[in-house]
């Protein structure tokens, strides 16, 4: 069962990593409890789509669905 996770301004700048430890990007903005991530240049749009998010209206940041967040730690956000 998914937990309710709220991303805050304190999380801006944290790395976002997937379950295998691959760095997806870093949190560029926290808006309404949702993380908007600047994707790592090595990450493709196709891969990002598998993470359950979508590109923001500005087209440069990627919205991470809060239901996919496993945990928020001091230096990173781990997604499922």
C-alpha atoms as a PDB file:
ATOM      1  CA  UNK A   1       0.000   0.000   0.000  1.00  0.00           C
ATOM      2  CA  UNK A   2       1.504   3.382  -1.007  1.00  0.00           C
ATOM      3  CA  UNK A   3       2.344   5.873   1.717  1.00  0.00           C
ATOM      4  CA  UNK A   4       1.530   9.539   1.509  1.00  0.00           C
ATOM      5  CA  UNK A   5       4.831  11.310   0.915  1.00  0.00           C
ATOM      6  CA  UNK A   6       5.127  15.070   0.793  1.00  0.00           C
ATOM      7  CA  UNK A   7       8.136  16.648  -0.840  1.00  0.00           C
ATOM      8  CA  UNK A   8       9.049  20.049   0.604  1.00  0.00           C
ATOM      9  CA  UNK A   9      11.463  22.876  -0.160  1.00  0.00           C
ATOM     10  CA  UNK A  10      13.923  21.113   2.185  1.00  0.00           C
ATOM     11  CA  UNK A  11      14.207  18.374  -0.460  1.00  0.00           C
ATOM     12  CA  UNK A  12      15.296  20.692  -3.289  1.00  0.00           C
ATOM     13  CA  UNK A  13      18.783  19.722  -4.457  1.00  0.00           C
ATOM     14  CA  UNK A  14      18.562  16.098  -3.301  1.00  0.00           C
ATOM     15  CA  UNK A  15      19.488  13.327  -5.704  1.00  0.00           C
ATOM     16  CA  UNK A  16      16.660  11.124  -6.934  1.00  0.00           C
ATOM     17  CA  UNK A  17      17.663   7.478  -7.334  1.00  0.00           C
ATOM     18  CA  UNK A  18      15.771   4.415  -8.493  1.00  0.00           C
ATOM     19  CA  UNK A  19      15.677   1.066  -6.703  1.00  0.00           C
ATOM     20  CA  UNK A  20      18.882  -0.084  -8.415  1.00  0.00           C
ATOM     21  CA  UNK A  21      20.769   3.041  -7.310  1.00  0.00           C
ATOM     22  CA  UNK A  22      20.769   4.756 -10.705  1.00  0.00           C
ATOM     23  CA  UNK A  23      20.733   8.537 -10.310  1.00  0.00           C
ATOM     24  CA  UNK A  24      17.659   9.802 -12.139  1.00  0.00           C
ATOM     25  CA  UNK A  25      18.358  13.476 -11.467  1.00  0.00           C
ATOM     26  CA  UNK A  26      17.996  16.045  -8.718  1.00  0.00           C
ATOM     27  CA  UNK A  27      14.999  17.812  -7.222  1.00  0.00           C
ATOM     28  CA  UNK A  28      14.725  21.216  -8.864  1.00  0.00           C
ATOM     29  CA  UNK A  29      11.474  22.265  -7.237  1.00  0.00           C
ATOM     30  CA  UNK A  30       8.914  21.119  -4.701  1.00  0.00           C
ATOM     31  CA  UNK A  31       5.413  22.264  -5.544  1.00  0.00           C
ATOM     32  CA  UNK A  32       2.235  21.218  -3.725  1.00  0.00           C
ATOM     33  CA  UNK A  33       4.064  18.270  -2.150  1.00  0.00           C
ATOM     34  CA  UNK A  34       5.366  16.972  -5.492  1.00  0.00           C
ATOM     35  CA  UNK A  35       8.995  16.735  -6.649  1.00  0.00           C
ATOM     36  CA  UNK A  36       9.979  18.223  -9.992  1.00  0.00           C
ATOM     37  CA  UNK A  37      13.283  16.747 -11.067  1.00  0.00           C
ATOM     38  CA  UNK A  38      15.945  17.953 -13.473  1.00  0.00           C
ATOM     39  CA  UNK A  39      16.769  14.637 -15.154  1.00  0.00           C
ATOM     40  CA  UNK A  40      20.349  13.432 -15.417  1.00  0.00           C
ATOM     41  CA  UNK A  41      21.578  13.860 -18.988  1.00  0.00           C
ATOM     42  CA  UNK A  42      22.095  10.093 -19.347  1.00  0.00           C
ATOM     43  CA  UNK A  43      18.447   9.321 -18.532  1.00  0.00           C
ATOM     44  CA  UNK A  44      16.073   8.992 -21.497  1.00  0.00           C
ATOM     45  CA  UNK A  45      12.477  10.186 -21.723  1.00  0.00           C
ATOM     46  CA  UNK A  46      11.378   6.584 -22.258  1.00  0.00           C
ATOM     47  CA  UNK A  47      13.024   5.507 -19.006  1.00  0.00           C
ATOM     48  CA  UNK A  48      11.506   8.448 -17.123  1.00  0.00           C
ATOM     49  CA  UNK A  49       8.050   7.419 -18.335  1.00  0.00           C
ATOM     50  CA  UNK A  50       8.506   4.008 -16.694  1.00  0.00           C
ATOM     51  CA  UNK A  51       8.908   5.776 -13.345  1.00  0.00           C
ATOM     52  CA  UNK A  52       5.268   6.840 -13.271  1.00  0.00           C
ATOM     53  CA  UNK A  53       5.750  10.548 -13.794  1.00  0.00           C
ATOM     54  CA  UNK A  54       5.470  13.089 -16.551  1.00  0.00           C
ATOM     55  CA  UNK A  55       7.206  16.162 -17.902  1.00  0.00           C
ATOM     56  CA  UNK A  56       6.062  19.441 -16.378  1.00  0.00           C
ATOM     57  CA  UNK A  57       4.500  22.119 -18.558  1.00  0.00           C
ATOM     58  CA  UNK A  58       7.903  23.807 -18.936  1.00  0.00           C
ATOM     59  CA  UNK A  59       9.223  20.647 -20.628  1.00  0.00           C
ATOM     60  CA  UNK A  60      12.513  20.636 -18.760  1.00  0.00           C
ATOM     61  CA  UNK A  61      11.624  19.181 -15.367  1.00  0.00           C
ATOM     62  CA  UNK A  62      10.027  15.824 -14.681  1.00  0.00           C
ATOM     63  CA  UNK A  63       7.205  15.382 -12.167  1.00  0.00           C
ATOM     64  CA  UNK A  64       7.694  12.377  -9.889  1.00  0.00           C
ATOM     65  CA  UNK A  65       4.444  10.772  -8.770  1.00  0.00           C
ATOM     66  CA  UNK A  66       4.506  10.846  -4.934  1.00  0.00           C
ATOM     67  CA  UNK A  67       3.151   7.277  -4.850  1.00  0.00           C
ATOM     68  CA  UNK A  68       6.428   6.065  -6.402  1.00  0.00           C
ATOM     69  CA  UNK A  69       8.589   7.501  -3.606  1.00  0.00           C
ATOM     70  CA  UNK A  70       9.895   4.780  -1.323  1.00  0.00           C
ATOM     71  CA  UNK A  71      11.648   7.063   1.154  1.00  0.00           C
ATOM     72  CA  UNK A  72      13.141  10.511   1.622  1.00  0.00           C
ATOM     73  CA  UNK A  73      16.557  10.567   3.281  1.00  0.00           C
ATOM     74  CA  UNK A  74      18.969  13.350   4.186  1.00  0.00           C
ATOM     75  CA  UNK A  75      20.690  13.428   0.794  1.00  0.00           C
ATOM     76  CA  UNK A  76      18.413  11.534  -1.589  1.00  0.00           C
ATOM     77  CA  UNK A  77      14.925  10.512  -2.522  1.00  0.00           C
ATOM     78  CA  UNK A  78      14.581   6.842  -3.430  1.00  0.00           C
ATOM     79  CA  UNK A  79      11.828   5.838  -5.834  1.00  0.00           C
ATOM     80  CA  UNK A  80      10.339   2.420  -6.529  1.00  0.00           C
END
